[in-house]
Amino acid sequence: MPDIASFPDDCRAQERVVAERRHSLGEDHPETLSAMLDLADCLWAQGRLIAARKLEERVVEGRRRQLGDQHPDTLKALGKLAVTLGAQGDLEQARAIQEEVVAGRSRLYGENDVETLRAVNNLAGTVASQGDLATARELLESVLATTCREFGEEHADSLTATANLAAILWQGGERDEAYALQQQVFEMQRWLHGDSNEATRAAAAVLQTMEQDPGF
């Protein structure tokens, strides 16, 4: 573990929590591992991906040993690690882990569970980053159909899947369909939250970027 002085100020308190739990409860105690994962989140937010990855790998190792490969807490840690790997450009390993997470959550909760669907959504992003737009599109269309059916078109996960699908279609050259989907996201966010909401502004910014693209 890096020295506490190397952490940003707002991560040092969480590092102290990790140290205290390690001392009082042990390295592999569930509360110690949870504190490590929280510290990894803090470091991630600060752009400290190498340090975050080391913690996430330690948590995965501990949870596999204590809880097994298929425990929800193990899958949660794996999901976080996969996102970090993807951000670092290790797409092959990230995809393999995300596929493991999707399979594990599907066995535990079913394919229509919201966390399973989020795992598929994350997998689709990695697949798209690898250049496999057709598979990414297929995954996102499946997620979108399920979230709309199970939770409604206005649900946050439905809107996320719609926006992600729009991005994939745009990247694949299907500009009109992509724009229409992104416009749908913007209008729904505005209806739900108003013009000043962060999600509404973000959706509007994507629309503006699309409109300004010379290829549109």
Protein backbone atom coordinates (compact mmCIF):
# COMPACT_ATOMS: atom_id res chain seq x y z
CA MET A 1 0.00 0.00 0.00
CA PRO A 2 1.42 3.44 -0.92
CA ASP A 3 2.28 5.79 1.91
CA ILE A 4 -0.60 7.96 3.10
CA ALA A 5 1.31 11.12 2.19
CA SER A 6 1.08 10.16 -1.49
CA PHE A 7 -2.72 10.29 -1.51
CA PRO A 8 -4.79 13.38 -2.32
CA ASP A 9 -6.14 15.09 0.79
CA ASP A 10 -9.71 13.85 0.34
CA CYS A 11 -8.51 10.24 0.09
CA ARG A 12 -6.40 10.26 3.24
CA ALA A 13 -9.33 9.83 5.59
CA GLN A 14 -10.40 6.70 3.73
CA GLU A 15 -6.82 5.41 3.77
CA ARG A 16 -6.86 5.78 7.57
CA VAL A 17 -10.08 3.74 7.67
CA VAL A 18 -8.35 0.99 5.68
CA ALA A 19 -5.34 1.03 8.03
CA GLU A 20 -7.55 0.91 11.12
CA ARG A 21 -9.64 -1.98 9.82
CA ARG A 22 -6.59 -3.89 8.71
CA HIS A 23 -5.12 -3.51 12.19
CA SER A 24 -8.27 -4.38 14.14
CA LEU A 25 -10.02 -6.84 11.82
CA GLY A 26 -7.36 -8.28 9.56
CA GLU A 27 -6.36 -7.97 5.92
CA ASP A 28 -9.11 -10.20 4.49
CA HIS A 29 -12.01 -9.15 6.71
CA PRO A 30 -15.04 -8.13 4.61
CA GLU A 31 -15.12 -4.66 6.18
CA THR A 32 -11.42 -4.15 5.42
CA LEU A 33 -11.93 -5.19 1.81
CA SER A 34 -14.95 -2.91 1.49
CA ALA A 35 -12.91 -0.01 2.83
CA MET A 36 -10.19 -0.79 0.28
CA LEU A 37 -12.75 -0.68 -2.52
CA ASP A 38 -14.02 2.70 -1.28
CA LEU A 39 -10.45 3.97 -1.25
CA ALA A 40 -9.99 2.69 -4.80
CA ASP A 41 -13.08 4.68 -5.85
CA CYS A 42 -11.60 7.81 -4.29
CA LEU A 43 -8.28 7.32 -6.03
CA TRP A 44 -10.06 6.61 -9.32
CA ALA A 45 -11.86 9.93 -9.06
CA GLN A 46 -8.49 11.59 -8.65
CA GLY A 47 -7.13 9.88 -11.77
CA ARG A 48 -4.87 7.56 -9.74
CA LEU A 49 -5.73 4.49 -11.79
CA ILE A 50 -2.57 2.52 -11.05
CA ALA A 51 -3.10 2.79 -7.29
CA ALA A 52 -6.82 2.09 -7.68
CA ARG A 53 -6.12 -1.01 -9.76
CA LYS A 54 -3.74 -2.42 -7.15
CA LEU A 55 -6.41 -2.05 -4.47
CA GLU A 56 -9.12 -3.54 -6.65
CA GLU A 57 -6.94 -6.51 -7.50
CA ARG A 58 -6.27 -7.01 -3.78
CA VAL A 59 -10.00 -6.89 -3.01
CA VAL A 60 -10.80 -9.37 -5.79
CA GLU A 61 -8.14 -11.73 -4.50
CA GLY A 62 -9.44 -11.50 -0.93
CA ARG A 63 -13.08 -11.90 -1.86
CA ARG A 64 -12.38 -14.86 -4.12
CA ARG A 65 -10.57 -16.53 -1.24
CA GLN A 66 -13.14 -15.67 1.42
CA LEU A 67 -16.41 -15.72 -0.52
CA GLY A 68 -15.80 -17.59 -3.76
CA ASP A 69 -15.92 -16.59 -7.38
CA GLN A 70 -19.70 -16.26 -7.66
CA HIS A 71 -20.49 -14.20 -4.56
CA PRO A 72 -22.16 -10.83 -5.33
CA ASP A 73 -19.40 -8.94 -3.51
CA THR A 74 -16.74 -10.70 -5.57
CA LEU A 75 -18.60 -9.84 -8.77
CA LYS A 76 -18.91 -6.22 -7.66
CA ALA A 77 -15.17 -5.96 -7.14
CA LEU A 78 -14.51 -7.65 -10.47
CA GLY A 79 -16.78 -5.17 -12.21
CA LYS A 80 -14.88 -2.22 -10.76
CA LEU A 81 -11.55 -3.78 -11.70
CA ALA A 82 -12.75 -4.31 -15.26
CA VAL A 83 -13.69 -0.63 -15.60
CA THR A 84 -10.22 0.36 -14.40
CA LEU A 85 -8.55 -2.05 -16.81
CA GLY A 86 -10.60 -0.66 -19.66
CA ALA A 87 -9.66 2.90 -18.73
CA GLN A 88 -6.02 1.86 -18.79
CA GLY A 89 -6.43 0.38 -22.27
CA ASP A 90 -6.29 -3.29 -21.26
CA LEU A 91 -9.45 -4.04 -23.19
CA GLU A 92 -8.92 -7.77 -23.66
CA GLN A 93 -8.64 -8.45 -19.94
CA ALA A 94 -11.44 -6.00 -19.15
CA ARG A 95 -13.75 -7.79 -21.58
CA ALA A 96 -12.93 -11.21 -20.17
CA ILE A 97 -13.69 -10.04 -16.63
CA GLN A 98 -16.90 -8.29 -17.68
CA GLU A 99 -18.08 -11.45 -19.42
CA GLU A 100 -17.41 -13.31 -16.17
CA VAL A 101 -19.42 -10.71 -14.25
CA VAL A 102 -22.35 -10.89 -16.68
CA ALA A 103 -22.41 -14.68 -16.48
CA GLY A 104 -22.18 -14.64 -12.69
CA ARG A 105 -24.92 -12.07 -12.20
CA SER A 106 -27.15 -13.85 -14.69
CA ARG A 107 -26.81 -17.07 -12.69
CA LEU A 108 -27.51 -15.31 -9.40
CA TYR A 109 -30.25 -12.88 -10.34
CA GLY A 110 -31.38 -13.62 -13.87
CA GLU A 111 -30.87 -11.79 -17.14
CA ASN A 112 -33.49 -9.13 -16.37
CA ASP A 113 -31.97 -7.94 -13.09
CA VAL A 114 -30.90 -4.30 -13.16
CA GLU A 115 -27.34 -5.07 -12.05
CA THR A 116 -27.02 -7.77 -14.71
CA LEU A 117 -28.19 -5.30 -17.33
CA ARG A 118 -25.69 -2.71 -16.12
CA ALA A 119 -22.95 -5.30 -16.41
CA VAL A 120 -23.98 -6.00 -20.01
CA ASN A 121 -24.00 -2.27 -20.67
CA ASN A 122 -20.43 -2.00 -19.39
CA LEU A 123 -19.41 -4.99 -21.49
CA ALA A 124 -20.87 -3.34 -24.57
CA GLY A 125 -18.72 -0.28 -23.99
CA THR A 126 -15.58 -2.37 -23.85
CA VAL A 127 -16.57 -4.35 -26.92
CA ALA A 128 -17.15 -1.08 -28.79
CA SER A 129 -13.73 0.20 -27.71
CA GLN A 130 -12.26 -2.94 -29.29
CA GLY A 131 -13.90 -1.93 -32.56
CA ASP A 132 -16.58 -4.65 -32.56
CA LEU A 133 -19.49 -2.28 -33.12
CA ALA A 134 -21.87 -4.97 -34.36
CA THR A 135 -21.60 -6.98 -31.14
CA ALA A 136 -21.77 -3.83 -29.02
CA ARG A 137 -24.94 -2.78 -30.82
CA GLU A 138 -26.51 -6.19 -30.32
CA LEU A 139 -25.74 -6.09 -26.60
CA LEU A 140 -27.11 -2.58 -26.15
CA GLU A 141 -30.27 -3.27 -28.13
CA SER A 142 -30.91 -6.23 -25.85
CA VAL A 143 -30.33 -4.14 -22.74
CA LEU A 144 -32.54 -1.34 -24.01
CA ALA A 145 -35.41 -3.65 -24.89
CA THR A 146 -35.27 -5.26 -21.47
CA THR A 147 -34.94 -2.08 -19.43
CA CYS A 148 -37.81 -0.43 -21.30
CA ARG A 149 -39.99 -3.49 -20.78
CA GLU A 150 -39.09 -4.04 -17.14
CA PHE A 151 -38.62 -0.48 -15.87
CA GLY A 152 -40.02 1.90 -18.49
CA GLU A 153 -38.53 4.20 -21.11
CA GLU A 154 -38.02 6.98 -18.58
CA HIS A 155 -35.90 4.86 -16.21
CA ALA A 156 -32.33 6.06 -15.80
CA ASP A 157 -30.91 2.76 -17.08
CA SER A 158 -33.14 2.91 -20.16
CA LEU A 159 -31.90 6.41 -20.91
CA THR A 160 -28.29 5.37 -20.38
CA ALA A 161 -28.70 2.43 -22.75
CA THR A 162 -30.39 4.67 -25.32
CA ALA A 163 -27.56 7.20 -25.17
CA ASN A 164 -24.94 4.48 -25.42
CA LEU A 165 -26.70 2.91 -28.38
CA ALA A 166 -26.86 6.33 -30.05
CA ALA A 167 -23.11 6.67 -29.60
CA ILE A 168 -22.48 3.25 -31.16
CA LEU A 169 -24.72 4.01 -34.13
CA TRP A 170 -23.03 7.37 -34.62
CA GLN A 171 -19.63 5.73 -34.55
CA GLY A 172 -20.83 3.20 -37.11
CA GLY A 173 -22.02 5.91 -39.49
CA GLU A 174 -25.77 5.60 -38.86
CA ARG A 175 -26.05 9.29 -38.08
CA ASP A 176 -29.78 9.91 -38.55
CA GLU A 177 -30.83 7.07 -36.29
CA ALA A 178 -28.20 7.99 -33.73
CA TYR A 179 -29.32 11.62 -33.68
CA ALA A 180 -32.95 10.62 -33.26
CA LEU A 181 -32.11 8.43 -30.27
CA GLN A 182 -29.98 11.13 -28.65
CA GLN A 183 -32.75 13.66 -29.17
CA GLN A 184 -35.11 11.23 -27.45
CA VAL A 185 -32.72 11.06 -24.49
CA PHE A 186 -32.50 14.86 -24.30
CA GLU A 187 -36.25 15.38 -24.46
CA MET A 188 -36.89 12.74 -21.82
CA GLN A 189 -34.24 14.16 -19.48
CA ARG A 190 -35.69 17.64 -19.91
CA TRP A 191 -39.20 16.38 -19.24
CA LEU A 192 -38.07 14.49 -16.14
CA HIS A 193 -35.59 16.95 -14.67
CA GLY A 194 -35.83 20.32 -16.40
CA ASP A 195 -33.41 22.32 -18.51
CA SER A 196 -30.94 23.11 -15.74
CA ASN A 197 -30.35 19.50 -14.69
CA GLU A 198 -26.86 18.11 -15.25
CA ALA A 199 -28.13 15.08 -17.17
CA THR A 200 -30.25 17.30 -19.42
CA ARG A 201 -27.30 19.60 -20.13
CA ALA A 202 -25.06 16.63 -20.88
CA ALA A 203 -27.59 15.19 -23.34
CA ALA A 204 -27.94 18.61 -24.99
CA ALA A 205 -24.15 18.89 -25.33
CA VAL A 206 -24.00 15.55 -27.16
CA LEU A 207 -26.75 16.73 -29.52
CA GLN A 208 -24.84 19.92 -30.22
CA THR A 209 -21.67 17.96 -30.96
CA MET A 210 -23.60 15.79 -33.40
CA GLU A 211 -25.13 18.82 -35.13
CA GLN A 212 -21.70 20.43 -35.56
CA ASP A 213 -20.11 17.31 -37.04
CA PRO A 214 -19.30 17.94 -40.73
CA GLY A 215 -20.38 14.38 -41.53
CA PHE A 216 -23.94 14.88 -40.28
